[in-house]
PDB file of N, CA and C in Angstrom:
ATOM      1  N   MET A   1    -174.398-130.911 -52.485  1.00  0.00           N
ATOM      2  CA  MET A   1    -174.305-129.699 -53.290  1.00  0.00           C
ATOM      3  C   MET A   1    -172.884-129.157 -53.222  1.00  0.00           C
ATOM      4  N   THR A   2    -172.310-128.886 -54.367  1.00  0.00           N
ATOM      5  CA  THR A   2    -171.008-128.238 -54.435  1.00  0.00           C
ATOM      6  C   THR A   2    -171.231-126.804 -54.913  1.00  0.00           C
ATOM      7  N   PRO A   3    -170.830-125.823 -54.126  1.00  0.00           N
ATOM      8  CA  PRO A   3    -171.044-124.435 -54.547  1.00  0.00           C
ATOM      9  C   PRO A   3    -170.254-124.096 -55.818  1.00  0.00           C
ATOM     10  N   ASP A   4    -170.861-123.289 -56.676  1.00  0.00           N
ATOM     11  CA  ASP A   4    -170.199-122.831 -57.894  1.00  0.00           C
ATOM     12  C   ASP A   4    -169.461-121.516 -57.686  1.00  0.00           C
ATOM     13  N   TYR A   5    -169.970-120.661 -56.809  1.00  0.00           N
ATOM     14  CA  TYR A   5    -169.392-119.334 -56.616  1.00  0.00           C
ATOM     15  C   TYR A   5    -168.579-119.218 -55.335  1.00  0.00           C
ATOM     16  N   LEU A   6    -168.967-119.947 -54.304  1.00  0.00           N
ATOM     17  CA  LEU A   6    -168.265-119.870 -53.023  1.00  0.00           C
ATOM     18  C   LEU A   6    -167.114-120.862 -53.010  1.00  0.00           C
ATOM     19  N   ASP A   7    -165.911-120.337 -52.969  1.00  0.00           N
ATOM     20  CA  ASP A   7    -164.702-121.153 -52.913  1.00  0.00           C
ATOM     21  C   ASP A   7    -164.096-120.928 -51.526  1.00  0.00           C
ATOM     22  N   PHE A   8    -164.260-121.899 -50.645  1.00  0.00           N
ATOM     23  CA  PHE A   8    -163.889-121.730 -49.249  1.00  0.00           C
ATOM     24  C   PHE A   8    -162.412-122.011 -48.995  1.00  0.00           C
ATOM     25  N   ASP A   9    -161.803-121.136 -48.192  1.00  0.00           N
ATOM     26  CA  ASP A   9    -160.472-121.373 -47.628  1.00  0.00           C
ATOM     27  C   ASP A   9    -160.682-121.762 -46.171  1.00  0.00           C
ATOM     28  N   TYR A  10    -159.912-122.725 -45.705  1.00  0.00           N
ATOM     29  CA  TYR A  10    -160.092-123.240 -44.359  1.00  0.00           C
ATOM     30  C   TYR A  10    -158.894-122.901 -43.482  1.00  0.00           C
ATOM     31  N   SER A  11    -159.176-122.542 -42.248  1.00  0.00           N
ATOM     32  CA  SER A  11    -158.130-122.363 -41.243  1.00  0.00           C
ATOM     33  C   SER A  11    -158.637-122.960 -39.936  1.00  0.00           C
ATOM     34  N   GLU A  12    -157.672-123.284 -39.072  1.00  0.00           N
ATOM     35  CA  GLU A  12    -158.016-123.972 -37.821  1.00  0.00           C
ATOM     36  C   GLU A  12    -157.195-123.396 -36.686  1.00  0.00           C
ATOM     37  N   ASP A  13    -157.816-123.284 -35.515  1.00  0.00           N
ATOM     38  CA  ASP A  13    -157.071-122.788 -34.360  1.00  0.00           C
ATOM     39  C   ASP A  13    -156.484-123.955 -33.555  1.00  0.00           C
ATOM     40  N   ALA A  14    -155.776-123.637 -32.500  1.00  0.00           N
ATOM     41  CA  ALA A  14    -155.095-124.649 -31.690  1.00  0.00           C
ATOM     42  C   ALA A  14    -156.063-125.615 -31.014  1.00  0.00           C
ATOM     43  N   ASP A  15    -157.319-125.193 -30.826  1.00  0.00           N
ATOM     44  CA  ASP A  15    -158.320-126.049 -30.180  1.00  0.00           C
ATOM     45  C   ASP A  15    -159.062-126.942 -31.174  1.00  0.00           C
ATOM     46  N   GLY A  16    -158.721-126.828 -32.463  1.00  0.00           N
ATOM     47  CA  GLY A  16    -159.384-127.642 -33.477  1.00  0.00           C
ATOM     48  C   GLY A  16    -160.617-127.013 -34.081  1.00  0.00           C
ATOM     49  N   ASN A  17    -160.991-125.818 -33.599  1.00  0.00           N
ATOM     50  CA  ASN A  17    -162.124-125.109 -34.198  1.00  0.00           C
ATOM     51  C   ASN A  17    -161.685-124.550 -35.542  1.00  0.00           C
ATOM     52  N   GLY A  18    -162.590-124.608 -36.525  1.00  0.00           N
ATOM     53  CA  GLY A  18    -162.228-124.190 -37.864  1.00  0.00           C
ATOM     54  C   GLY A  18    -163.055-123.041 -38.372  1.00  0.00           C
ATOM     55  N   SER A  19    -162.544-122.435 -39.440  1.00  0.00           N
ATOM     56  CA  SER A  19    -163.228-121.335 -40.095  1.00  0.00           C
ATOM     57  C   SER A  19    -163.099-121.501 -41.608  1.00  0.00           C
ATOM     58  N   PHE A  20    -164.223-121.380 -42.295  1.00  0.00           N
ATOM     59  CA  PHE A  20    -164.280-121.411 -43.746  1.00  0.00           C
ATOM     60  C   PHE A  20    -164.603-120.008 -44.219  1.00  0.00           C
ATOM     61  N   ASP A  21    -163.762-119.457 -45.079  1.00  0.00           N
ATOM     62  CA  ASP A  21    -163.949-118.100 -45.582  1.00  0.00           C
ATOM     63  C   ASP A  21    -164.084-118.142 -47.091  1.00  0.00           C
ATOM     64  N   ALA A  22    -165.129-117.484 -47.603  1.00  0.00           N
ATOM     65  CA  ALA A  22    -165.350-117.424 -49.044  1.00  0.00           C
ATOM     66  C   ALA A  22    -165.737-116.003 -49.436  1.00  0.00           C
ATOM     67  N   MET A  23    -165.323-115.620 -50.636  1.00  0.00           N
ATOM     68  CA  MET A  23    -165.689-114.318 -51.177  1.00  0.00           C
ATOM     69  C   MET A  23    -166.042-114.507 -52.644  1.00  0.00           C
ATOM     70  N   ALA A  24    -167.102-113.854 -53.065  1.00  0.00           N
ATOM     71  CA  ALA A  24    -167.495-113.876 -54.476  1.00  0.00           C
ATOM     72  C   ALA A  24    -167.633-112.438 -54.942  1.00  0.00           C
ATOM     73  N   SER A  25    -167.102-112.154 -56.112  1.00  0.00           N
ATOM     74  CA  SER A  25    -167.224-110.845 -56.744  1.00  0.00           C
ATOM     75  C   SER A  25    -167.879-111.075 -58.098  1.00  0.00           C
ATOM     76  N   VAL A  26    -169.136-110.660 -58.222  1.00  0.00           N
ATOM     77  CA  VAL A  26    -169.916-111.020 -59.403  1.00  0.00           C
ATOM     78  C   VAL A  26    -170.655-109.830 -59.991  1.00  0.00           C
ATOM     79  N   ALA A  27    -171.023-109.988 -61.255  1.00  0.00           N
ATOM     80  CA  ALA A  27    -171.883-109.016 -61.923  1.00  0.00           C
ATOM     81  C   ALA A  27    -173.311-109.183 -61.394  1.00  0.00           C
ATOM     82  N   PRO A  28    -174.149-108.173 -61.585  1.00  0.00           N
ATOM     83  CA  PRO A  28    -175.519-108.254 -61.056  1.00  0.00           C
ATOM     84  C   PRO A  28    -176.284-109.509 -61.471  1.00  0.00           C
ATOM     85  N   GLN A  29    -176.063-110.004 -62.684  1.00  0.00           N
ATOM     86  CA  GLN A  29    -176.829-111.168 -63.132  1.00  0.00           C
ATOM     87  C   GLN A  29    -176.450-112.455 -62.392  1.00  0.00           C
ATOM     88  N   GLN A  30    -175.258-112.535 -61.792  1.00  0.00           N
ATOM     89  CA  GLN A  30    -174.876-113.722 -61.020  1.00  0.00           C
ATOM     90  C   GLN A  30    -175.251-113.620 -59.539  1.00  0.00           C
ATOM     91  N   LEU A  31    -175.643-112.432 -59.098  1.00  0.00           N
ATOM     92  CA  LEU A  31    -175.904-112.225 -57.673  1.00  0.00           C
ATOM     93  C   LEU A  31    -176.986-113.157 -57.113  1.00  0.00           C
ATOM     94  N   PRO A  32    -178.093-113.393 -57.806  1.00  0.00           N
ATOM     95  CA  PRO A  32    -179.080-114.333 -57.250  1.00  0.00           C
ATOM     96  C   PRO A  32    -178.516-115.735 -57.007  1.00  0.00           C
ATOM     97  N   ALA A  33    -177.630-116.205 -57.866  1.00  0.00           N
ATOM     98  CA  ALA A  33    -177.028-117.525 -57.663  1.00  0.00           C
ATOM     99  C   ALA A  33    -176.117-117.533 -56.441  1.00  0.00           C
ATOM    100  N   VAL A  34    -175.363-116.450 -56.244  1.00  0.00           N
ATOM    101  CA  VAL A  34    -174.500-116.349 -55.060  1.00  0.00           C
ATOM    102  C   VAL A  34    -175.357-116.318 -53.799  1.00  0.00           C
ATOM    103  N   HIS A  35    -176.410-115.519 -53.822  1.00  0.00           N
ATOM    104  CA  HIS A  35    -177.308-115.453 -52.663  1.00  0.00           C
ATOM    105  C   HIS A  35    -177.917-116.826 -52.375  1.00  0.00           C
ATOM    106  N   ALA A  36    -178.285-117.564 -53.410  1.00  0.00           N
ATOM    107  CA  ALA A  36    -178.869-118.898 -53.221  1.00  0.00           C
ATOM    108  C   ALA A  36    -177.868-119.848 -52.567  1.00  0.00           C
ATOM    109  N   GLU A  37    -176.609-119.783 -52.970  1.00  0.00           N
ATOM    110  CA  GLU A  37    -175.586-120.639 -52.357  1.00  0.00           C
ATOM    111  C   GLU A  37    -175.395-120.294 -50.886  1.00  0.00           C
ATOM    112  N   ILE A  38    -175.320-119.010 -50.581  1.00  0.00           N
ATOM    113  CA  ILE A  38    -175.151-118.592 -49.180  1.00  0.00           C
ATOM    114  C   ILE A  38    -176.357-119.024 -48.363  1.00  0.00           C
ATOM    115  N   ALA A  39    -177.547-118.806 -48.903  1.00  0.00           N
ATOM    116  CA  ALA A  39    -178.767-119.205 -48.189  1.00  0.00           C
ATOM    117  C   ALA A  39    -178.787-120.709 -47.936  1.00  0.00           C
ATOM    118  N   ALA A  40    -178.331-121.499 -48.910  1.00  0.00           N
ATOM    119  CA  ALA A  40    -178.303-122.954 -48.732  1.00  0.00           C
ATOM    120  C   ALA A  40    -177.355-123.357 -47.608  1.00  0.00           C
ATOM    121  N   VAL A  41    -176.184-122.750 -47.561  1.00  0.00           N
ATOM    122  CA  VAL A  41    -175.213-123.054 -46.503  1.00  0.00           C
ATOM    123  C   VAL A  41    -175.776-122.676 -45.137  1.00  0.00           C
ATOM    124  N   LEU A  42    -176.313-121.473 -45.029  1.00  0.00           N
ATOM    125  CA  LEU A  42    -176.815-121.010 -43.732  1.00  0.00           C
ATOM    126  C   LEU A  42    -178.072-121.761 -43.308  1.00  0.00           C
ATOM    127  N   ALA A  43    -178.952-122.087 -44.246  1.00  0.00           N
ATOM    128  CA  ALA A  43    -180.156-122.861 -43.896  1.00  0.00           C
ATOM    129  C   ALA A  43    -179.763-124.240 -43.380  1.00  0.00           C
ATOM    130  N   TRP A  44    -178.780-124.864 -44.059  1.00  0.00           N
ATOM    131  CA  TRP A  44    -178.309-126.166 -43.599  1.00  0.00           C
ATOM    132  C   TRP A  44    -177.747-126.059 -42.178  1.00  0.00           C
ATOM    133  N   ALA A  45    -176.895-125.063 -41.949  1.00  0.00           N
ATOM    134  CA  ALA A  45    -176.257-124.911 -40.631  1.00  0.00           C
ATOM    135  C   ALA A  45    -177.297-124.675 -39.539  1.00  0.00           C
ATOM    136  N   HIS A  46    -178.270-123.812 -39.825  1.00  0.00           N
ATOM    137  CA  HIS A  46    -179.317-123.537 -38.831  1.00  0.00           C
ATOM    138  C   HIS A  46    -180.146-124.781 -38.548  1.00  0.00           C
ATOM    139  N   ASP A  47    -180.367-125.608 -39.580  1.00  0.00           N
ATOM    140  CA  ASP A  47    -181.155-126.828 -39.407  1.00  0.00           C
ATOM    141  C   ASP A  47    -180.345-127.932 -38.730  1.00  0.00           C
ATOM    142  N   ALA A  48    -179.146-128.183 -39.237  1.00  0.00           N
ATOM    143  CA  ALA A  48    -178.337-129.294 -38.733  1.00  0.00           C
ATOM    144  C   ALA A  48    -177.801-129.043 -37.324  1.00  0.00           C
ATOM    145  N   PHE A  49    -177.577-127.779 -36.977  1.00  0.00           N
ATOM    146  CA  PHE A  49    -177.029-127.439 -35.659  1.00  0.00           C
ATOM    147  C   PHE A  49    -177.942-126.423 -34.982  1.00  0.00           C
ATOM    148  N   ALA A  50    -179.236-126.696 -35.023  1.00  0.00           N
ATOM    149  CA  ALA A  50    -180.269-125.788 -34.503  1.00  0.00           C
ATOM    150  C   ALA A  50    -180.032-125.453 -33.032  1.00  0.00           C
ATOM    151  N   GLY A  51    -180.142-124.167 -32.730  1.00  0.00           N
ATOM    152  CA  GLY A  51    -180.011-123.707 -31.349  1.00  0.00           C
ATOM    153  C   GLY A  51    -178.600-123.700 -30.813  1.00  0.00           C
ATOM    154  N   ARG A  52    -177.612-123.988 -31.663  1.00  0.00           N
ATOM    155  CA  ARG A  52    -176.233-124.071 -31.171  1.00  0.00           C
ATOM    156  C   ARG A  52    -175.329-123.031 -31.817  1.00  0.00           C
ATOM    157  N   ARG A  53    -175.934-121.938 -32.328  1.00  0.00           N
ATOM    158  CA  ARG A  53    -175.148-120.885 -32.965  1.00  0.00           C
ATOM    159  C   ARG A  53    -174.657-119.874 -31.938  1.00  0.00           C
ATOM    160  N   GLY A  54    -173.399-119.492 -32.064  1.00  0.00           N
ATOM    161  CA  GLY A  54    -172.784-118.510 -31.180  1.00  0.00           C
ATOM    162  C   GLY A  54    -171.290-118.774 -31.116  1.00  0.00           C
ATOM    163  N   ALA A  55    -170.614-117.997 -30.349  1.00  0.00           N
ATOM    164  CA  ALA A  55    -169.154-118.114 -30.238  1.00  0.00           C
ATOM    165  C   ALA A  55    -168.765-119.458 -29.628  1.00  0.00           C
ATOM    166  N   THR A  56    -167.769-120.111 -30.217  1.00  0.00           N
ATOM    167  CA  THR A  56    -167.300-121.383 -29.664  1.00  0.00           C
ATOM    168  C   THR A  56    -166.694-121.186 -28.280  1.00  0.00           C
ATOM    169  N   ASP A  57    -166.164-119.994 -28.023  1.00  0.00           N
ATOM    170  CA  ASP A  57    -165.633-119.695 -26.684  1.00  0.00           C
ATOM    171  C   ASP A  57    -166.729-119.741 -25.633  1.00  0.00           C
ATOM    172  N   ASP A  58    -167.972-119.546 -26.057  1.00  0.00           N
ATOM    173  CA  ASP A  58    -169.113-119.593 -25.139  1.00  0.00           C
ATOM    174  C   ASP A  58    -169.772-120.966 -25.119  1.00  0.00           C
ATOM    175  N   GLY A  59    -169.131-121.951 -25.758  1.00  0.00           N
ATOM    176  CA  GLY A  59    -169.654-123.306 -25.751  1.00  0.00           C
ATOM    177  C   GLY A  59    -170.607-123.618 -26.895  1.00  0.00           C
ATOM    178  N   CYS A  60    -170.731-122.723 -27.843  1.00  0.00           N
ATOM    179  CA  CYS A  60    -171.613-122.960 -28.989  1.00  0.00           C
ATOM    180  C   CYS A  60    -170.874-123.745 -30.066  1.00  0.00           C
ATOM    181  N   GLU A  61    -171.638-124.307 -30.996  1.00  0.00           N
ATOM    182  CA  GLU A  61    -171.079-125.162 -32.041  1.00  0.00           C
ATOM    183  C   GLU A  61    -170.590-124.405 -33.265  1.00  0.00           C
ATOM    184  N   TRP A  62    -171.260-123.284 -33.627  1.00  0.00           N
ATOM    185  CA  TRP A  62    -170.938-122.626 -34.886  1.00  0.00           C
ATOM    186  C   TRP A  62    -171.411-121.181 -34.888  1.00  0.00           C
ATOM    187  N   ASP A  63    -170.860-120.407 -35.827  1.00  0.00           N
ATOM    188  CA  ASP A  63    -171.282-119.018 -36.019  1.00  0.00           C
ATOM    189  C   ASP A  63    -170.881-118.595 -37.424  1.00  0.00           C
ATOM    190  N   PHE A  64    -171.371-117.434 -37.839  1.00  0.00           N
ATOM    191  CA  PHE A  64    -171.023-116.940 -39.170  1.00  0.00           C
ATOM    192  C   PHE A  64    -170.987-115.422 -39.188  1.00  0.00           C
ATOM    193  N   ASP A  65    -170.333-114.898 -40.215  1.00  0.00           N
ATOM    194  CA  ASP A  65    -170.291-113.463 -40.488  1.00  0.00           C
ATOM    195  C   ASP A  65    -170.544-113.305 -41.980  1.00  0.00           C
ATOM    196  N   LEU A  66    -171.454-112.423 -42.332  1.00  0.00           N
ATOM    197  CA  LEU A  66    -171.842-112.221 -43.720  1.00  0.00           C
ATOM    198  C   LEU A  66    -171.733-110.741 -44.042  1.00  0.00           C
ATOM    199  N   GLN A  67    -171.058-110.411 -45.142  1.00  0.00           N
ATOM    200  CA  GLN A  67    -170.885-109.012 -45.537  1.00  0.00           C
ATOM    201  C   GLN A  67    -171.059-108.881 -47.040  1.00  0.00           C
ATOM    202  N   SER A  68    -171.456-107.674 -47.454  1.00  0.00           N
ATOM    203  CA  SER A  68    -171.653-107.418 -48.874  1.00  0.00           C
ATOM    204  C   SER A  68    -171.411-105.946 -49.168  1.00  0.00           C
ATOM    205  N   HIS A  69    -170.875-105.674 -50.338  1.00  0.00           N
ATOM    206  CA  HIS A  69    -170.748-104.299 -50.812  1.00  0.00           C
ATOM    207  C   HIS A  69    -170.651-104.294 -52.332  1.00  0.00           C
ATOM    208  N   GLN A  70    -170.834-103.125 -52.897  1.00  0.00           N
ATOM    209  CA  GLN A  70    -170.720-102.965 -54.338  1.00  0.00           C
ATOM    210  C   GLN A  70    -169.445-102.208 -54.661  1.00  0.00           C
ATOM    211  N   GLU A  71    -168.820-102.581 -55.757  1.00  0.00           N
ATOM    212  CA  GLU A  71    -167.626-101.886 -56.235  1.00  0.00           C
ATOM    213  C   GLU A  71    -167.902-101.373 -57.638  1.00  0.00           C
ATOM    214  N   PHE A  72    -167.450-100.170 -57.888  1.00  0.00           N
ATOM    215  CA  PHE A  72    -167.591 -99.571 -59.206  1.00  0.00           C
ATOM    216  C   PHE A  72    -166.192 -99.280 -59.738  1.00  0.00           C
ATOM    217  N   SER A  73    -166.000 -99.487 -61.009  1.00  0.00           N
ATOM    218  CA  SER A  73    -164.695 -99.177 -61.583  1.00  0.00           C
ATOM    219  C   SER A  73    -164.886 -98.229 -62.761  1.00  0.00           C
ATOM    220  N   VAL A  74    -163.864 -97.422 -62.958  1.00  0.00           N
ATOM    221  CA  VAL A  74    -163.833 -96.490 -64.073  1.00  0.00           C
ATOM    222  C   VAL A  74    -162.554 -96.786 -64.848  1.00  0.00           C
ATOM    223  N   PRO A  75    -162.696 -97.255 -66.084  1.00  0.00           N
ATOM    224  CA  PRO A  75    -161.478 -97.516 -66.862  1.00  0.00           C
ATOM    225  C   PRO A  75    -160.764 -96.208 -67.182  1.00  0.00           C
ATOM    226  N   GLU A  76    -159.471 -96.294 -67.299  1.00  0.00           N
ATOM    227  CA  GLU A  76    -158.669 -95.120 -67.644  1.00  0.00           C
ATOM    228  C   GLU A  76    -157.801 -95.441 -68.856  1.00  0.00           C
ATOM    229  N   THR A  77    -157.596 -94.445 -69.674  1.00  0.00           N
ATOM    230  CA  THR A  77    -156.664 -94.561 -70.783  1.00  0.00           C
ATOM    231  C   THR A  77    -155.405 -93.819 -70.378  1.00  0.00           C
ATOM    232  N   MET A  78    -154.288 -94.513 -70.362  1.00  0.00           N
ATOM    233  CA  MET A  78    -153.015 -93.899 -70.000  1.00  0.00           C
ATOM    234  C   MET A  78    -152.129 -93.816 -71.236  1.00  0.00           C
ATOM    235  N   ARG A  79    -151.472 -92.694 -71.351  1.00  0.00           N
ATOM    236  CA  ARG A  79    -150.534 -92.500 -72.461  1.00  0.00           C
ATOM    237  C   ARG A  79    -149.239 -91.918 -71.914  1.00  0.00           C
ATOM    238  N   PHE A  80    -148.188 -92.340 -72.525  1.00  0.00           N
ATOM    239  CA  PHE A  80    -146.884 -91.770 -72.197  1.00  0.00           C
ATOM    240  C   PHE A  80    -146.561 -90.726 -73.259  1.00  0.00           C
ATOM    241  N   GLU A  81    -146.311 -89.513 -72.787  1.00  0.00           N
ATOM    242  CA  GLU A  81    -145.957 -88.409 -73.685  1.00  0.00           C
ATOM    243  C   GLU A  81    -144.439 -88.371 -73.791  1.00  0.00           C
ATOM    244  N   GLU A  82    -143.943 -88.840 -74.907  1.00  0.00           N
ATOM    245  CA  GLU A  82    -142.504 -88.950 -75.105  1.00  0.00           C
ATOM    246  C   GLU A  82    -141.803 -87.595 -74.995  1.00  0.00           C
ATOM    247  N   ALA A  83    -142.430 -86.557 -75.528  1.00  0.00           N
ATOM    248  CA  ALA A  83    -141.803 -85.226 -75.539  1.00  0.00           C
ATOM    249  C   ALA A  83    -141.606 -84.671 -74.135  1.00  0.00           C
ATOM    250  N   THR A  84    -142.553 -84.949 -73.220  1.00  0.00           N
ATOM    251  CA  THR A  84    -142.464 -84.399 -71.867  1.00  0.00           C
ATOM    252  C   THR A  84    -141.973 -85.433 -70.854  1.00  0.00           C
ATOM    253  N   GLY A  85    -142.006 -86.717 -71.234  1.00  0.00           N
ATOM    254  CA  GLY A  85    -141.611 -87.767 -70.304  1.00  0.00           C
ATOM    255  C   GLY A  85    -142.643 -88.007 -69.217  1.00  0.00           C
ATOM    256  N   MET A  86    -143.886 -87.610 -69.463  1.00  0.00           N
ATOM    257  CA  MET A  86    -144.937 -87.730 -68.450  1.00  0.00           C
ATOM    258  C   MET A  86    -146.079 -88.612 -68.955  1.00  0.00           C
ATOM    259  N   LEU A  87    -146.870 -89.068 -68.019  1.00  0.00           N
ATOM    260  CA  LEU A  87    -148.070 -89.831 -68.335  1.00  0.00           C
ATOM    261  C   LEU A  87    -149.274 -88.906 -68.341  1.00  0.00           C
ATOM    262  N   THR A  88    -150.216 -89.172 -69.222  1.00  0.00           N
ATOM    263  CA  THR A  88    -151.511 -88.501 -69.171  1.00  0.00           C
ATOM    264  C   THR A  88    -152.565 -89.578 -68.952  1.00  0.00           C
ATOM    265  N   VAL A  89    -153.579 -89.219 -68.214  1.00  0.00           N
ATOM    266  CA  VAL A  89    -154.627 -90.170 -67.878  1.00  0.00           C
ATOM    267  C   VAL A  89    -155.974 -89.552 -68.224  1.00  0.00           C
ATOM    268  N   GLN A  90    -156.780 -90.303 -68.962  1.00  0.00           N
ATOM    269  CA  GLN A  90    -158.126 -89.880 -69.326  1.00  0.00           C
ATOM    270  C   GLN A  90    -159.110 -90.899 -68.751  1.00  0.00           C
ATOM    271  N   PRO A  91    -159.979 -90.465 -67.815  1.00  0.00           N
ATOM    272  CA  PRO A  91    -160.968 -91.408 -67.292  1.00  0.00           C
ATOM    273  C   PRO A  91    -162.052 -91.705 -68.325  1.00  0.00           C
ATOM    274  N   GLY A  92    -162.526 -92.938 -68.308  1.00  0.00           N
ATOM    275  CA  GLY A  92    -163.616 -93.345 -69.186  1.00  0.00           C
ATOM    276  C   GLY A  92    -164.939 -93.311 -68.443  1.00  0.00           C
ATOM    277  N   GLU A  93    -165.897 -94.027 -68.977  1.00  0.00           N
ATOM    278  CA  GLU A  93    -167.220 -94.118 -68.365  1.00  0.00           C
ATOM    279  C   GLU A  93    -167.232 -95.214 -67.302  1.00  0.00           C
ATOM    280  N   PRO A  94    -167.925 -94.966 -66.190  1.00  0.00           N
ATOM    281  CA  PRO A  94    -168.004 -95.997 -65.154  1.00  0.00           C
ATOM    282  C   PRO A  94    -168.644 -97.277 -65.683  1.00  0.00           C
ATOM    283  N   GLY A  95    -168.117 -98.392 -65.224  1.00  0.00           N
ATOM    284  CA  GLY A  95    -168.672 -99.688 -65.599  1.00  0.00           C
ATOM    285  C   GLY A  95    -169.796-100.083 -64.659  1.00  0.00           C
ATOM    286  N   ALA A  96    -170.393-101.223 -64.918  1.00  0.00           N
ATOM    287  CA  ALA A  96    -171.459-101.742 -64.063  1.00  0.00           C
ATOM    288  C   ALA A  96    -170.879-102.134 -62.700  1.00  0.00           C
ATOM    289  N   ALA A  97    -171.718-102.069 -61.712  1.00  0.00           N
ATOM    290  CA  ALA A  97    -171.304-102.441 -60.357  1.00  0.00           C
ATOM    291  C   ALA A  97    -170.980-103.923 -60.288  1.00  0.00           C
ATOM    292  N   ARG A  98    -170.000-104.263 -59.454  1.00  0.00           N
ATOM    293  CA  ARG A  98    -169.735-105.651 -59.101  1.00  0.00           C
ATOM    294  C   ARG A  98    -170.158-105.803 -57.645  1.00  0.00           C
ATOM    295  N   HIS A  99    -170.783-106.914 -57.362  1.00  0.00           N
ATOM    296  CA  HIS A  99    -171.239-107.185 -56.006  1.00  0.00           C
ATOM    297  C   HIS A  99    -170.233-108.120 -55.351  1.00  0.00           C
ATOM    298  N   VAL A 100    -169.720-107.704 -54.210  1.00  0.00           N
ATOM    299  CA  VAL A 100    -168.733-108.492 -53.481  1.00  0.00           C
ATOM    300  C   VAL A 100    -169.394-108.974 -52.188  1.00  0.00           C
ATOM    301  N   VAL A 101    -169.481-110.277 -52.059  1.00  0.00           N
ATOM    302  CA  VAL A 101    -170.137-110.892 -50.909  1.00  0.00           C
ATOM    303  C   VAL A 101    -169.130-111.819 -50.243  1.00  0.00           C
ATOM    304  N   SER A 102    -169.032-111.719 -48.919  1.00  0.00           N
ATOM    305  CA  SER A 102    -168.136-112.621 -48.205  1.00  0.00           C
ATOM    306  C   SER A 102    -168.900-113.332 -47.091  1.00  0.00           C
ATOM    307  N   LEU A 103    -168.563-114.592 -46.920  1.00  0.00           N
ATOM    308  CA  LEU A 103    -169.150-115.425 -45.876  1.00  0.00           C
ATOM    309  C   LEU A 103    -168.019-116.101 -45.121  1.00  0.00           C
ATOM    310  N   SER A 104    -168.010-115.921 -43.822  1.00  0.00           N
ATOM    311  CA  SER A 104    -167.121-116.666 -42.934  1.00  0.00           C
ATOM    312  C   SER A 104    -168.029-117.502 -42.042  1.00  0.00           C
ATOM    313  N   ILE A 105    -167.785-118.781 -42.023  1.00  0.00           N
ATOM    314  CA  ILE A 105    -168.596-119.682 -41.208  1.00  0.00           C
ATOM    315  C   ILE A 105    -167.660-120.712 -40.597  1.00  0.00           C
ATOM    316  N   GLY A 106    -167.874-121.001 -39.349  1.00  0.00           N
ATOM    317  CA  GLY A 106    -166.993-121.958 -38.703  1.00  0.00           C
ATOM    318  C   GLY A 106    -167.531-122.407 -37.377  1.00  0.00           C
ATOM    319  N   GLY A 107    -166.773-123.287 -36.764  1.00  0.00           N
ATOM    320  CA  GLY A 107    -167.187-123.784 -35.469  1.00  0.00           C
ATOM    321  C   GLY A 107    -166.348-124.952 -35.013  1.00  0.00           C
ATOM    322  N   SER A 108    -167.001-125.820 -34.284  1.00  0.00           N
ATOM    323  CA  SER A 108    -166.334-126.978 -33.679  1.00  0.00           C
ATOM    324  C   SER A 108    -165.848-127.945 -34.754  1.00  0.00           C
ATOM    325  N   PRO A 109    -164.962-128.864 -34.373  1.00  0.00           N
ATOM    326  CA  PRO A 109    -164.533-129.883 -35.340  1.00  0.00           C
ATOM    327  C   PRO A 109    -165.710-130.665 -35.931  1.00  0.00           C
ATOM    328  N   ALA A 110    -166.712-130.979 -35.123  1.00  0.00           N
ATOM    329  CA  ALA A 110    -167.874-131.721 -35.624  1.00  0.00           C
ATOM    330  C   ALA A 110    -168.643-130.900 -36.650  1.00  0.00           C
ATOM    331  N   PHE A 111    -168.795-129.609 -36.393  1.00  0.00           N
ATOM    332  CA  PHE A 111    -169.483-128.738 -37.346  1.00  0.00           C
ATOM    333  C   PHE A 111    -168.698-128.668 -38.646  1.00  0.00           C
ATOM    334  N   CYS A 112    -167.403-128.470 -38.557  1.00  0.00           N
ATOM    335  CA  CYS A 112    -166.560-128.352 -39.751  1.00  0.00           C
ATOM    336  C   CYS A 112    -166.588-129.625 -40.582  1.00  0.00           C
ATOM    337  N   ASP A 113    -166.532-130.777 -39.931  1.00  0.00           N
ATOM    338  CA  ASP A 113    -166.605-132.047 -40.658  1.00  0.00           C
ATOM    339  C   ASP A 113    -167.945-132.184 -41.371  1.00  0.00           C
ATOM    340  N   ALA A 114    -169.024-131.824 -40.701  1.00  0.00           N
ATOM    341  CA  ALA A 114    -170.354-131.926 -41.300  1.00  0.00           C
ATOM    342  C   ALA A 114    -170.502-130.953 -42.470  1.00  0.00           C
ATOM    343  N   LEU A 115    -169.975-129.744 -42.340  1.00  0.00           N
ATOM    344  CA  LEU A 115    -170.041-128.752 -43.420  1.00  0.00           C
ATOM    345  C   LEU A 115    -169.267-129.241 -44.641  1.00  0.00           C
ATOM    346  N   ARG A 116    -168.078-129.779 -44.410  1.00  0.00           N
ATOM    347  CA  ARG A 116    -167.268-130.333 -45.510  1.00  0.00           C
ATOM    348  C   ARG A 116    -168.026-131.423 -46.269  1.00  0.00           C
ATOM    349  N   THR A 117    -168.643-132.301 -45.518  1.00  0.00           N
ATOM    350  CA  THR A 117    -169.380-133.414 -46.127  1.00  0.00           C
ATOM    351  C   THR A 117    -170.593-132.908 -46.899  1.00  0.00           C
ATOM    352  N   GLN A 118    -171.362-132.036 -46.282  1.00  0.00           N
ATOM    353  CA  GLN A 118    -172.609-131.557 -46.899  1.00  0.00           C
ATOM    354  C   GLN A 118    -172.354-130.802 -48.196  1.00  0.00           C
ATOM    355  N   PHE A 119    -171.299-129.982 -48.238  1.00  0.00           N
ATOM    356  CA  PHE A 119    -171.058-129.126 -49.390  1.00  0.00           C
ATOM    357  C   PHE A 119    -169.799-129.520 -50.189  1.00  0.00           C
ATOM    358  N   GLU A 120    -169.305-130.722 -49.922  1.00  0.00           N
ATOM    359  CA  GLU A 120    -168.178-131.263 -50.678  1.00  0.00           C
ATOM    360  C   GLU A 120    -167.018-130.285 -50.754  1.00  0.00           C
ATOM    361  N   ILE A 121    -166.630-129.761 -49.597  1.00  0.00           N
ATOM    362  CA  ILE A 121    -165.521-128.810 -49.485  1.00  0.00           C
ATOM    363  C   ILE A 121    -164.256-129.587 -49.167  1.00  0.00           C
ATOM    364  N   ALA A 122    -163.214-129.355 -49.917  1.00  0.00           N
ATOM    365  CA  ALA A 122    -161.953-130.066 -49.697  1.00  0.00           C
ATOM    366  C   ALA A 122    -161.226-129.528 -48.484  1.00  0.00           C
TER     367      ALA A 122
END
């Protein structure tokens, strides 16, 4: 499975442990697909590395951090008033919420290699 919404960035520490970080900012109608991708990644990790979740410093294989929030935007109309040399700003109507979801998942070199293979992450 190659994720459509989660685009992972990879980093690695001096010990070879890695971290994959992804963020998706979507409209409400795409949120179920994003949730499905995250659930697939986490279900795989829990299954493939069962009982080995926790900090790598504590001898565990993998761990994750999951966060979500909503963002609202209000468009503004800006005009330059030539006579006064000033800007005027008129707020518009608030737009629909965007859902921002971030997943950080990482662990040992073996975990990172398996995650790359399973989800075709470059």
